[in-house]
């Protein structure tokens, strides 16, 4: 395939992923990716708990894409902030590392090992365990056995949806009138800063990251 045609195909597929994610967000088409993204969100809470001197008690997902990370100790301010920011950060790293197959192999392997460790020690329900193990298999196989374009499309799609998830989830959970406990509400209780303002900040961060990832796609392909 000529380089120009490959670029057109690449950009078209990634653009289609974003469009499908937007219009089919609450359908079975996007559901498996959302499970993976929610798991990354919950794992980010757990990782920051450990990094700030606490420990992970358990992590669980449910079929309605709700997640719960139970921790003990650590810096609650950073732990509560880590979920959405972790989703954006890991998504961006998946996306950017995919442009170099060697880097993608190393990063994917590290993330896969982390998923397996969490599945063996902290994930307490079958859904999250299966999600983690299937994701680990895909992360390990993709850069090693798929051609470069296919690996890029898979990793970039996962990375973009991970960042896009922040926009959609905050809108649904917070800005659309939800009043139940969530990360932004926890931070509001700690800092007295409105949960709405915190949610908007996270959405802006996600939007900026998405912009630069798409920009990199156009400049690099």
C-alpha atoms as a PDB file:
ATOM      1  CA  UNK A   1       0.000   0.000   0.000  1.00  0.00           C
ATOM      2  CA  UNK A   2       1.345   3.423  -0.950  1.00  0.00           C
ATOM      3  CA  UNK A   3       2.281   5.685   1.937  1.00  0.00           C
ATOM      4  CA  UNK A   4      -0.329   8.303   0.985  1.00  0.00           C
ATOM      5  CA  UNK A   5      -3.108   5.714   0.797  1.00  0.00           C
ATOM      6  CA  UNK A   6      -1.959   4.210   4.083  1.00  0.00           C
ATOM      7  CA  UNK A   7      -2.121   7.633   5.732  1.00  0.00           C
ATOM      8  CA  UNK A   8      -5.640   8.224   4.422  1.00  0.00           C
ATOM      9  CA  UNK A   9      -6.738   4.805   5.661  1.00  0.00           C
ATOM     10  CA  UNK A  10      -5.101   5.355   9.050  1.00  0.00           C
ATOM     11  CA  UNK A  11      -6.672   8.762   9.656  1.00  0.00           C
ATOM     12  CA  UNK A  12     -10.059   7.588   8.359  1.00  0.00           C
ATOM     13  CA  UNK A  13     -10.155   4.624  10.749  1.00  0.00           C
ATOM     14  CA  UNK A  14      -9.134   6.676  13.785  1.00  0.00           C
ATOM     15  CA  UNK A  15     -11.673   9.374  12.884  1.00  0.00           C
ATOM     16  CA  UNK A  16     -14.325   6.678  12.508  1.00  0.00           C
ATOM     17  CA  UNK A  17     -13.478   5.317  15.955  1.00  0.00           C
ATOM     18  CA  UNK A  18     -14.077   8.742  17.479  1.00  0.00           C
ATOM     19  CA  UNK A  19     -17.352   9.219  15.593  1.00  0.00           C
ATOM     20  CA  UNK A  20     -18.595   5.746  16.517  1.00  0.00           C
ATOM     21  CA  UNK A  21     -17.587   6.298  20.149  1.00  0.00           C
ATOM     22  CA  UNK A  22     -19.551   9.551  20.235  1.00  0.00           C
ATOM     23  CA  UNK A  23     -22.734   8.262  18.640  1.00  0.00           C
ATOM     24  CA  UNK A  24     -22.627   4.704  19.983  1.00  0.00           C
ATOM     25  CA  UNK A  25     -21.188   5.404  23.437  1.00  0.00           C
ATOM     26  CA  UNK A  26     -23.928   3.536  25.286  1.00  0.00           C
ATOM     27  CA  UNK A  27     -24.089   0.554  22.934  1.00  0.00           C
ATOM     28  CA  UNK A  28     -22.460  -2.872  22.900  1.00  0.00           C
ATOM     29  CA  UNK A  29     -20.111  -1.724  20.131  1.00  0.00           C
ATOM     30  CA  UNK A  30     -18.039   0.393  22.518  1.00  0.00           C
ATOM     31  CA  UNK A  31     -18.804  -1.596  25.686  1.00  0.00           C
ATOM     32  CA  UNK A  32     -15.653  -3.806  25.742  1.00  0.00           C
ATOM     33  CA  UNK A  33     -13.354  -0.796  25.327  1.00  0.00           C
ATOM     34  CA  UNK A  34     -15.253   1.084  28.032  1.00  0.00           C
ATOM     35  CA  UNK A  35     -14.705  -1.820  30.431  1.00  0.00           C
ATOM     36  CA  UNK A  36     -10.968  -1.564  29.814  1.00  0.00           C
ATOM     37  CA  UNK A  37     -11.010   2.221  30.246  1.00  0.00           C
ATOM     38  CA  UNK A  38     -13.000   2.074  33.499  1.00  0.00           C
ATOM     39  CA  UNK A  39     -10.542  -0.530  34.781  1.00  0.00           C
ATOM     40  CA  UNK A  40      -7.641   1.837  34.018  1.00  0.00           C
ATOM     41  CA  UNK A  41      -9.515   4.575  35.891  1.00  0.00           C
ATOM     42  CA  UNK A  42      -9.885   2.414  38.998  1.00  0.00           C
ATOM     43  CA  UNK A  43      -6.336   1.098  38.803  1.00  0.00           C
ATOM     44  CA  UNK A  44      -5.060   4.685  38.681  1.00  0.00           C
ATOM     45  CA  UNK A  45      -6.741   5.342  42.028  1.00  0.00           C
ATOM     46  CA  UNK A  46      -5.055   2.270  43.440  1.00  0.00           C
ATOM     47  CA  UNK A  47      -1.608   3.048  42.057  1.00  0.00           C
ATOM     48  CA  UNK A  48      -1.618   6.555  43.522  1.00  0.00           C
ATOM     49  CA  UNK A  49      -2.771   5.174  46.857  1.00  0.00           C
ATOM     50  CA  UNK A  50       0.289   2.915  46.941  1.00  0.00           C
ATOM     51  CA  UNK A  51       2.628   5.662  45.694  1.00  0.00           C
ATOM     52  CA  UNK A  52       1.462   8.007  48.479  1.00  0.00           C
ATOM     53  CA  UNK A  53       1.977   5.485  51.254  1.00  0.00           C
ATOM     54  CA  UNK A  54      -1.379   3.724  51.320  1.00  0.00           C
ATOM     55  CA  UNK A  55      -2.529   0.327  50.131  1.00  0.00           C
ATOM     56  CA  UNK A  56      -5.187  -1.180  47.886  1.00  0.00           C
ATOM     57  CA  UNK A  57      -7.892  -3.225  49.564  1.00  0.00           C
ATOM     58  CA  UNK A  58      -9.924  -4.149  46.482  1.00  0.00           C
ATOM     59  CA  UNK A  59     -11.031  -3.044  43.021  1.00  0.00           C
ATOM     60  CA  UNK A  60     -14.254  -4.101  41.370  1.00  0.00           C
ATOM     61  CA  UNK A  61     -16.320  -3.369  38.269  1.00  0.00           C
ATOM     62  CA  UNK A  62     -19.951  -4.085  37.530  1.00  0.00           C
ATOM     63  CA  UNK A  63     -21.721  -4.714  34.243  1.00  0.00           C
ATOM     64  CA  UNK A  64     -23.175  -1.197  34.313  1.00  0.00           C
ATOM     65  CA  UNK A  65     -19.603   0.192  34.074  1.00  0.00           C
ATOM     66  CA  UNK A  66     -19.503   1.308  37.663  1.00  0.00           C
ATOM     67  CA  UNK A  67     -16.197   0.928  39.440  1.00  0.00           C
ATOM     68  CA  UNK A  68     -15.126   0.986  43.053  1.00  0.00           C
ATOM     69  CA  UNK A  69     -11.581   1.161  44.401  1.00  0.00           C
ATOM     70  CA  UNK A  70     -11.228   0.661  48.151  1.00  0.00           C
ATOM     71  CA  UNK A  71      -7.960   1.907  49.596  1.00  0.00           C
ATOM     72  CA  UNK A  72      -6.475   2.522  53.020  1.00  0.00           C
ATOM     73  CA  UNK A  73      -4.137   5.381  53.848  1.00  0.00           C
ATOM     74  CA  UNK A  74      -2.345   7.498  51.280  1.00  0.00           C
ATOM     75  CA  UNK A  75      -3.101  11.027  50.126  1.00  0.00           C
ATOM     76  CA  UNK A  76      -6.858  11.162  49.557  1.00  0.00           C
ATOM     77  CA  UNK A  77      -6.570  14.366  47.498  1.00  0.00           C
ATOM     78  CA  UNK A  78      -4.221  12.742  45.014  1.00  0.00           C
ATOM     79  CA  UNK A  79      -6.056   9.417  45.069  1.00  0.00           C
ATOM     80  CA  UNK A  80      -9.384  11.039  44.189  1.00  0.00           C
ATOM     81  CA  UNK A  81      -7.726  13.063  41.418  1.00  0.00           C
ATOM     82  CA  UNK A  82      -5.994  10.057  39.891  1.00  0.00           C
ATOM     83  CA  UNK A  83      -8.930   8.304  38.237  1.00  0.00           C
ATOM     84  CA  UNK A  84      -9.766  10.609  35.350  1.00  0.00           C
ATOM     85  CA  UNK A  85      -6.255  12.004  35.062  1.00  0.00           C
ATOM     86  CA  UNK A  86      -4.933   8.437  34.955  1.00  0.00           C
ATOM     87  CA  UNK A  87      -7.387   7.560  32.180  1.00  0.00           C
ATOM     88  CA  UNK A  88      -6.149  10.517  30.135  1.00  0.00           C
ATOM     89  CA  UNK A  89      -2.482   9.901  30.930  1.00  0.00           C
ATOM     90  CA  UNK A  90      -2.422   6.181  30.171  1.00  0.00           C
ATOM     91  CA  UNK A  91      -4.507   6.759  27.059  1.00  0.00           C
ATOM     92  CA  UNK A  92      -2.041   9.375  25.828  1.00  0.00           C
ATOM     93  CA  UNK A  93       0.911   7.054  26.476  1.00  0.00           C
ATOM     94  CA  UNK A  94      -0.764   4.198  24.592  1.00  0.00           C
ATOM     95  CA  UNK A  95      -1.364   6.546  21.679  1.00  0.00           C
ATOM     96  CA  UNK A  96       2.072   8.165  21.551  1.00  0.00           C
ATOM     97  CA  UNK A  97       4.094   4.978  22.142  1.00  0.00           C
ATOM     98  CA  UNK A  98       2.346   3.282  19.211  1.00  0.00           C
ATOM     99  CA  UNK A  99       4.313   5.382  16.688  1.00  0.00           C
ATOM    100  CA  UNK A 100       7.474   3.453  17.594  1.00  0.00           C
ATOM    101  CA  UNK A 101       6.965  -0.304  17.616  1.00  0.00           C
ATOM    102  CA  UNK A 102       9.838  -0.924  20.025  1.00  0.00           C
ATOM    103  CA  UNK A 103       8.530   1.663  22.491  1.00  0.00           C
ATOM    104  CA  UNK A 104       5.013   0.287  22.053  1.00  0.00           C
ATOM    105  CA  UNK A 105       6.262  -3.210  22.845  1.00  0.00           C
ATOM    106  CA  UNK A 106       7.949  -2.082  26.065  1.00  0.00           C
ATOM    107  CA  UNK A 107       5.088   0.122  27.242  1.00  0.00           C
ATOM    108  CA  UNK A 108       2.407  -2.436  26.387  1.00  0.00           C
ATOM    109  CA  UNK A 109       4.335  -5.164  28.177  1.00  0.00           C
ATOM    110  CA  UNK A 110       4.674  -3.043  31.318  1.00  0.00           C
ATOM    111  CA  UNK A 111       0.961  -2.231  31.281  1.00  0.00           C
ATOM    112  CA  UNK A 112       0.068  -5.872  30.636  1.00  0.00           C
ATOM    113  CA  UNK A 113       2.195  -7.016  33.592  1.00  0.00           C
ATOM    114  CA  UNK A 114       0.498  -4.402  35.767  1.00  0.00           C
ATOM    115  CA  UNK A 115      -2.937  -5.655  34.671  1.00  0.00           C
ATOM    116  CA  UNK A 116      -1.970  -9.235  35.518  1.00  0.00           C
ATOM    117  CA  UNK A 117      -0.646  -8.207  38.946  1.00  0.00           C
ATOM    118  CA  UNK A 118      -3.873  -6.362  39.696  1.00  0.00           C
ATOM    119  CA  UNK A 119      -5.975  -9.298  38.459  1.00  0.00           C
ATOM    120  CA  UNK A 120      -4.090 -11.674  40.742  1.00  0.00           C
ATOM    121  CA  UNK A 121      -4.135  -9.477  43.843  1.00  0.00           C
ATOM    122  CA  UNK A 122      -6.763  -6.743  43.890  1.00  0.00           C
ATOM    123  CA  UNK A 123      -9.555  -7.384  41.373  1.00  0.00           C
ATOM    124  CA  UNK A 124     -12.305  -9.131  43.293  1.00  0.00           C
ATOM    125  CA  UNK A 125     -14.960  -9.764  40.650  1.00  0.00           C
ATOM    126  CA  UNK A 126     -14.898 -12.010  37.593  1.00  0.00           C
ATOM    127  CA  UNK A 127     -15.755  -9.208  35.144  1.00  0.00           C
ATOM    128  CA  UNK A 128     -12.745  -7.076  36.081  1.00  0.00           C
ATOM    129  CA  UNK A 129     -10.441 -10.107  36.139  1.00  0.00           C
ATOM    130  CA  UNK A 130     -11.501 -11.208  32.647  1.00  0.00           C
ATOM    131  CA  UNK A 131     -11.218  -7.635  31.350  1.00  0.00           C
ATOM    132  CA  UNK A 132      -7.700  -7.291  32.751  1.00  0.00           C
ATOM    133  CA  UNK A 133      -6.469 -10.614  31.376  1.00  0.00           C
ATOM    134  CA  UNK A 134      -7.959 -10.139  27.902  1.00  0.00           C
ATOM    135  CA  UNK A 135      -6.527  -6.622  27.732  1.00  0.00           C
ATOM    136  CA  UNK A 136      -3.116  -7.953  28.809  1.00  0.00           C
ATOM    137  CA  UNK A 137      -3.167 -10.541  26.011  1.00  0.00           C
ATOM    138  CA  UNK A 138      -4.032  -7.904  23.386  1.00  0.00           C
ATOM    139  CA  UNK A 139      -1.360  -5.522  24.702  1.00  0.00           C
ATOM    140  CA  UNK A 140       1.309  -8.219  24.541  1.00  0.00           C
ATOM    141  CA  UNK A 141       0.341  -9.627  21.133  1.00  0.00           C
ATOM    142  CA  UNK A 142      -0.407  -6.447  19.202  1.00  0.00           C
ATOM    143  CA  UNK A 143       3.064  -4.846  18.857  1.00  0.00           C
ATOM    144  CA  UNK A 144       4.779  -8.227  18.505  1.00  0.00           C
ATOM    145  CA  UNK A 145       2.608 -10.040  15.945  1.00  0.00           C
ATOM    146  CA  UNK A 146       0.480  -7.424  14.158  1.00  0.00           C
ATOM    147  CA  UNK A 147       1.897  -5.207  11.454  1.00  0.00           C
ATOM    148  CA  UNK A 148       2.801  -1.651  12.375  1.00  0.00           C
ATOM    149  CA  UNK A 149      -0.360  -0.018  10.995  1.00  0.00           C
ATOM    150  CA  UNK A 150      -2.698  -2.465  12.750  1.00  0.00           C
ATOM    151  CA  UNK A 151      -0.887  -2.025  16.061  1.00  0.00           C
ATOM    152  CA  UNK A 152      -1.061   1.756  15.726  1.00  0.00           C
ATOM    153  CA  UNK A 153      -4.777   1.691  14.967  1.00  0.00           C
ATOM    154  CA  UNK A 154      -5.554  -0.565  17.946  1.00  0.00           C
ATOM    155  CA  UNK A 155      -3.429   1.342  20.466  1.00  0.00           C
ATOM    156  CA  UNK A 156      -4.428   4.773  19.200  1.00  0.00           C
ATOM    157  CA  UNK A 157      -8.096   3.814  19.301  1.00  0.00           C
ATOM    158  CA  UNK A 158      -7.747   2.620  22.898  1.00  0.00           C
ATOM    159  CA  UNK A 159      -5.810   5.760  23.801  1.00  0.00           C
ATOM    160  CA  UNK A 160      -8.322   8.165  22.264  1.00  0.00           C
ATOM    161  CA  UNK A 161     -11.348   6.412  23.750  1.00  0.00           C
ATOM    162  CA  UNK A 162      -9.645   6.461  27.148  1.00  0.00           C
ATOM    163  CA  UNK A 163      -9.282  10.243  26.940  1.00  0.00           C
ATOM    164  CA  UNK A 164     -12.742  10.642  25.384  1.00  0.00           C
ATOM    165  CA  UNK A 165     -14.237   8.660  28.271  1.00  0.00           C
ATOM    166  CA  UNK A 166     -13.376  11.517  30.639  1.00  0.00           C
ATOM    167  CA  UNK A 167     -15.477  13.964  28.623  1.00  0.00           C
ATOM    168  CA  UNK A 168     -18.485  11.679  28.405  1.00  0.00           C
ATOM    169  CA  UNK A 169     -18.376  10.235  31.902  1.00  0.00           C
ATOM    170  CA  UNK A 170     -18.059  13.576  33.673  1.00  0.00           C
ATOM    171  CA  UNK A 171     -20.888  15.012  31.598  1.00  0.00           C
ATOM    172  CA  UNK A 172     -23.146  12.055  32.415  1.00  0.00           C
ATOM    173  CA  UNK A 173     -22.161  11.773  36.081  1.00  0.00           C
ATOM    174  CA  UNK A 174     -21.760  15.368  37.123  1.00  0.00           C
ATOM    175  CA  UNK A 175     -22.829  18.022  34.659  1.00  0.00           C
ATOM    176  CA  UNK A 176     -26.121  16.332  33.772  1.00  0.00           C
ATOM    177  CA  UNK A 177     -27.458  16.610  37.293  1.00  0.00           C
ATOM    178  CA  UNK A 178     -26.045  13.546  39.033  1.00  0.00           C
ATOM    179  CA  UNK A 179     -25.764  14.011  42.782  1.00  0.00           C
ATOM    180  CA  UNK A 180     -24.215  10.761  43.907  1.00  0.00           C
ATOM    181  CA  UNK A 181     -20.713  10.275  45.257  1.00  0.00           C
ATOM    182  CA  UNK A 182     -17.975  10.508  42.636  1.00  0.00           C
ATOM    183  CA  UNK A 183     -14.370  11.665  42.380  1.00  0.00           C
ATOM    184  CA  UNK A 184     -15.250  15.341  41.904  1.00  0.00           C
ATOM    185  CA  UNK A 185     -17.649  15.315  44.865  1.00  0.00           C
ATOM    186  CA  UNK A 186     -14.964  13.715  47.039  1.00  0.00           C
ATOM    187  CA  UNK A 187     -12.586  16.498  46.060  1.00  0.00           C
ATOM    188  CA  UNK A 188     -15.260  19.102  46.719  1.00  0.00           C
ATOM    189  CA  UNK A 189     -15.631  17.756  50.254  1.00  0.00           C
ATOM    190  CA  UNK A 190     -11.858  18.001  50.766  1.00  0.00           C
ATOM    191  CA  UNK A 191     -11.137  21.340  49.106  1.00  0.00           C
ATOM    192  CA  UNK A 192     -14.511  23.164  49.144  1.00  0.00           C
ATOM    193  CA  UNK A 193     -14.040  23.769  45.401  1.00  0.00           C
ATOM    194  CA  UNK A 194     -17.256  23.100  43.485  1.00  0.00           C
ATOM    195  CA  UNK A 195     -17.435  19.586  42.009  1.00  0.00           C
ATOM    196  CA  UNK A 196     -18.754  21.175  38.821  1.00  0.00           C
ATOM    197  CA  UNK A 197     -15.630  23.323  38.467  1.00  0.00           C
ATOM    198  CA  UNK A 198     -13.411  20.321  39.109  1.00  0.00           C
ATOM    199  CA  UNK A 199     -15.318  18.318  36.502  1.00  0.00           C
ATOM    200  CA  UNK A 200     -15.004  21.110  33.951  1.00  0.00           C
ATOM    201  CA  UNK A 201     -11.243  21.300  34.608  1.00  0.00           C
ATOM    202  CA  UNK A 202     -10.864  17.570  33.981  1.00  0.00           C
ATOM    203  CA  UNK A 203     -12.924  17.870  30.800  1.00  0.00           C
ATOM    204  CA  UNK A 204     -10.704  20.709  29.556  1.00  0.00           C
ATOM    205  CA  UNK A 205      -7.581  18.661  30.267  1.00  0.00           C
ATOM    206  CA  UNK A 206      -9.067  15.744  28.350  1.00  0.00           C
ATOM    207  CA  UNK A 207     -10.058  17.965  25.417  1.00  0.00           C
ATOM    208  CA  UNK A 208      -6.566  19.487  25.201  1.00  0.00           C
ATOM    209  CA  UNK A 209      -4.948  16.043  25.281  1.00  0.00           C
ATOM    210  CA  UNK A 210      -7.296  14.768  22.553  1.00  0.00           C
ATOM    211  CA  UNK A 211      -6.432  17.799  20.400  1.00  0.00           C
ATOM    212  CA  UNK A 212      -2.677  17.193  20.678  1.00  0.00           C
ATOM    213  CA  UNK A 213      -3.047  13.451  20.064  1.00  0.00           C
ATOM    214  CA  UNK A 214      -5.028  14.059  16.889  1.00  0.00           C
ATOM    215  CA  UNK A 215      -2.528  16.728  15.856  1.00  0.00           C
ATOM    216  CA  UNK A 216       0.314  14.248  16.334  1.00  0.00           C
ATOM    217  CA  UNK A 217      -1.587  11.710  14.245  1.00  0.00           C
ATOM    218  CA  UNK A 218      -1.806  14.124  11.314  1.00  0.00           C
ATOM    219  CA  UNK A 219       1.830  15.189  11.638  1.00  0.00           C
ATOM    220  CA  UNK A 220       3.236  11.675  12.050  1.00  0.00           C
ATOM    221  CA  UNK A 221       1.319   9.552   9.553  1.00  0.00           C
END
